[in-house]
Protein backbone atom coordinates (compact mmCIF):
# COMPACT_ATOMS: atom_id res chain seq x y z
CA MET A 1 81.54 116.34 91.86
CA ASP A 2 78.57 116.38 89.46
CA LYS A 3 79.87 119.56 87.85
CA THR A 4 83.25 118.02 86.99
CA ARG A 5 81.53 114.92 85.69
CA ASN A 6 79.36 116.98 83.31
CA GLN A 7 82.39 118.90 82.07
CA GLU A 8 84.20 115.63 81.27
CA GLN A 9 81.33 114.23 79.19
CA LYS A 10 82.00 114.22 75.46
CA LYS A 11 80.03 116.30 73.06
CA GLY A 12 77.48 114.28 71.03
CA GLY A 13 76.95 114.20 67.27
CA ARG A 14 79.21 113.39 64.39
CA LYS A 15 82.83 114.43 64.12
CA PRO A 16 83.40 117.72 62.30
CA LYS A 17 84.97 117.49 58.84
CA GLU A 18 88.62 118.47 58.43
CA SER A 19 87.85 120.71 55.47
CA PRO A 20 84.14 121.54 55.40
CA ALA A 21 82.61 122.93 52.21
CA VAL A 22 81.17 126.29 53.22
CA PHE A 23 81.10 128.17 49.92
CA ARG A 24 77.88 127.87 47.96
CA TYR A 25 77.15 128.81 44.33
CA SER A 26 73.94 128.97 42.33
CA ILE A 27 73.48 128.15 38.65
CA SER A 28 70.47 128.40 36.34
CA PHE A 29 69.72 126.21 33.32
CA THR A 30 67.29 126.45 30.44
CA ALA A 31 64.92 123.53 29.96
CA GLU A 32 67.17 122.01 27.28
CA GLU A 33 70.33 122.46 29.36
CA ASN A 34 68.61 120.94 32.38
CA ALA A 35 67.51 117.90 30.38
CA GLN A 36 71.06 117.44 29.08
CA PHE A 37 72.51 117.90 32.58
CA LEU A 38 70.12 115.34 34.09
CA SER A 39 70.92 112.91 31.29
CA LEU A 40 74.65 113.26 31.97
CA PHE A 41 74.08 112.88 35.71
CA GLU A 42 72.05 109.68 35.25
CA ARG A 43 74.67 108.19 32.93
CA SER A 44 77.43 108.97 35.42
CA GLY A 45 76.01 106.53 37.97
CA MET A 46 76.80 108.95 40.82
CA ASN A 47 74.34 109.24 43.69
CA VAL A 48 75.03 112.83 44.76
CA MET A 49 74.46 115.63 42.27
CA ALA A 50 76.91 117.93 44.07
CA HIS A 51 79.71 115.39 43.66
CA PHE A 52 78.89 115.10 39.95
CA ILE A 53 79.02 118.89 39.47
CA THR A 54 82.31 119.12 41.36
CA ALA A 55 83.79 116.33 39.22
CA CYS A 56 82.69 118.15 36.05
CA ILE A 57 84.10 121.51 37.13
CA PHE A 58 87.49 120.18 38.21
CA GLN A 59 87.69 117.76 35.28
CA LYS A 60 87.85 114.64 37.36
CA THR A 61 87.08 111.44 35.51
CA ILE A 62 83.36 110.75 35.31
CA LYS A 63 82.20 107.21 34.81
CA THR A 64 79.28 106.74 32.46
CA VAL A 65 77.33 103.54 32.10
CA LYS A 66 75.09 102.92 29.12
CA ILE A 67 72.69 100.00 29.20
CA ASP A 68 71.17 98.96 25.90
CA LYS A 69 67.72 97.57 26.67
CA ALA A 70 67.38 95.99 23.23
CA ALA A 71 70.66 94.11 23.65
CA MET A 72 69.65 92.93 27.12
CA ASP A 73 66.26 91.77 25.83
CA TYR A 74 67.89 89.91 22.93
CA TYR A 75 70.34 88.23 25.30
CA MET A 76 67.57 87.17 27.69
CA ARG A 77 65.46 85.73 24.87
CA LEU A 78 68.49 83.93 23.44
CA THR A 79 69.21 82.38 26.83
CA THR A 80 65.59 81.23 27.13
CA LEU A 81 65.68 79.79 23.62
CA TYR A 82 68.86 77.85 24.41
CA GLY A 83 67.13 76.29 27.43
CA GLN A 84 64.19 75.32 25.26
CA PHE A 85 66.52 73.65 22.72
CA ARG A 86 68.06 71.60 25.50
CA SER A 87 64.65 70.44 26.68
CA VAL A 88 63.67 69.56 23.09
CA GLY A 89 66.78 67.38 22.87
CA VAL A 90 65.81 65.52 26.04
CA ASN A 91 62.22 65.11 24.84
CA TYR A 92 63.47 63.90 21.43
CA ASN A 93 65.36 61.00 23.04
CA GLN A 94 62.38 60.07 25.20
CA LEU A 95 60.02 60.20 22.21
CA VAL A 96 62.16 57.82 20.14
CA LYS A 97 62.22 55.29 22.99
CA ILE A 98 58.44 55.54 23.46
CA LEU A 99 57.76 55.13 19.71
CA TYR A 100 59.73 51.90 19.50
CA ARG A 101 58.24 50.61 22.74
CA HIS A 102 54.54 51.19 21.91
CA PHE A 103 54.33 50.93 18.11
CA SER A 104 55.37 48.43 15.49
CA GLU A 105 58.67 48.93 13.68
CA LYS A 106 56.93 50.18 10.51
CA LYS A 107 54.64 52.65 12.30
CA ALA A 108 57.49 53.94 14.49
CA ALA A 109 59.64 54.51 11.38
CA ALA A 110 56.82 56.53 9.76
CA PHE A 111 56.54 58.76 12.83
CA LEU A 112 60.31 59.11 12.99
CA PHE A 113 60.35 60.24 9.34
CA LYS A 114 57.96 63.09 10.22
CA LEU A 115 60.05 63.88 13.27
CA GLU A 116 63.20 63.93 11.15
CA LYS A 117 61.68 66.53 8.80
CA GLU A 118 60.81 68.77 11.75
CA THR A 119 64.30 68.26 13.16
CA LYS A 120 65.86 69.46 9.89
CA GLU A 121 63.74 72.63 10.07
CA MET A 122 64.81 73.13 13.65
CA ALA A 123 68.47 72.67 12.66
CA ALA A 124 68.09 75.38 10.01
CA LEU A 125 66.53 77.64 12.62
CA CYS A 126 69.41 76.87 14.98
CA LYS A 127 71.93 77.88 12.30
CA LYS A 128 70.06 81.17 11.87
CA ILE A 129 70.16 81.75 15.62
CA ILE A 130 73.91 81.09 15.67
CA GLN A 131 74.39 83.57 12.80
CA LEU A 132 72.33 86.23 14.62
CA THR A 133 74.27 85.60 17.81
CA GLU A 134 77.59 86.08 16.01
CA GLU A 135 76.31 89.34 14.51
CA PHE A 136 75.14 90.44 17.96
CA GLU A 137 78.51 89.65 19.53
CA ALA A 138 80.38 91.46 16.74
CA GLU A 139 78.27 94.59 17.17
CA TYR A 140 77.66 94.79 20.92
CA LEU A 141 80.45 92.87 22.58
CA LYS A 142 83.41 94.57 20.89
CA LYS A 143 86.50 94.59 23.05
CA GLU A 144 88.31 97.86 22.89
CA GLY A 145 91.99 97.64 23.43
């Protein structure tokens, strides 16, 4: 009875592939060709080098992803700057209330005059930022269609 039981047990391991790849080829590159190959492989976003080579040989579509670090850095700094402008706006309102609450009308007006000058400079800076952002969008965020 034990012998029949052992014969009925299933074989362990993974299921065999329907069409296993059994043919192997070797290729040699120069240093320059290897650098170019590795660059193409990294841009493809594929995880397995063999799949990348097969896709190249049989002219399958290869996806390439290019990340521009300068553009990402600019975008991150622009986002941070926008957050800072929002906080300046909140602080501006609070400052005006505090000036009128703790100082005389004449003294508060003098401080507000100085604040107004700084605000005009900040508005000019904001216009420059908007111009740079539009240039950035025109150059890096082009929609192809």
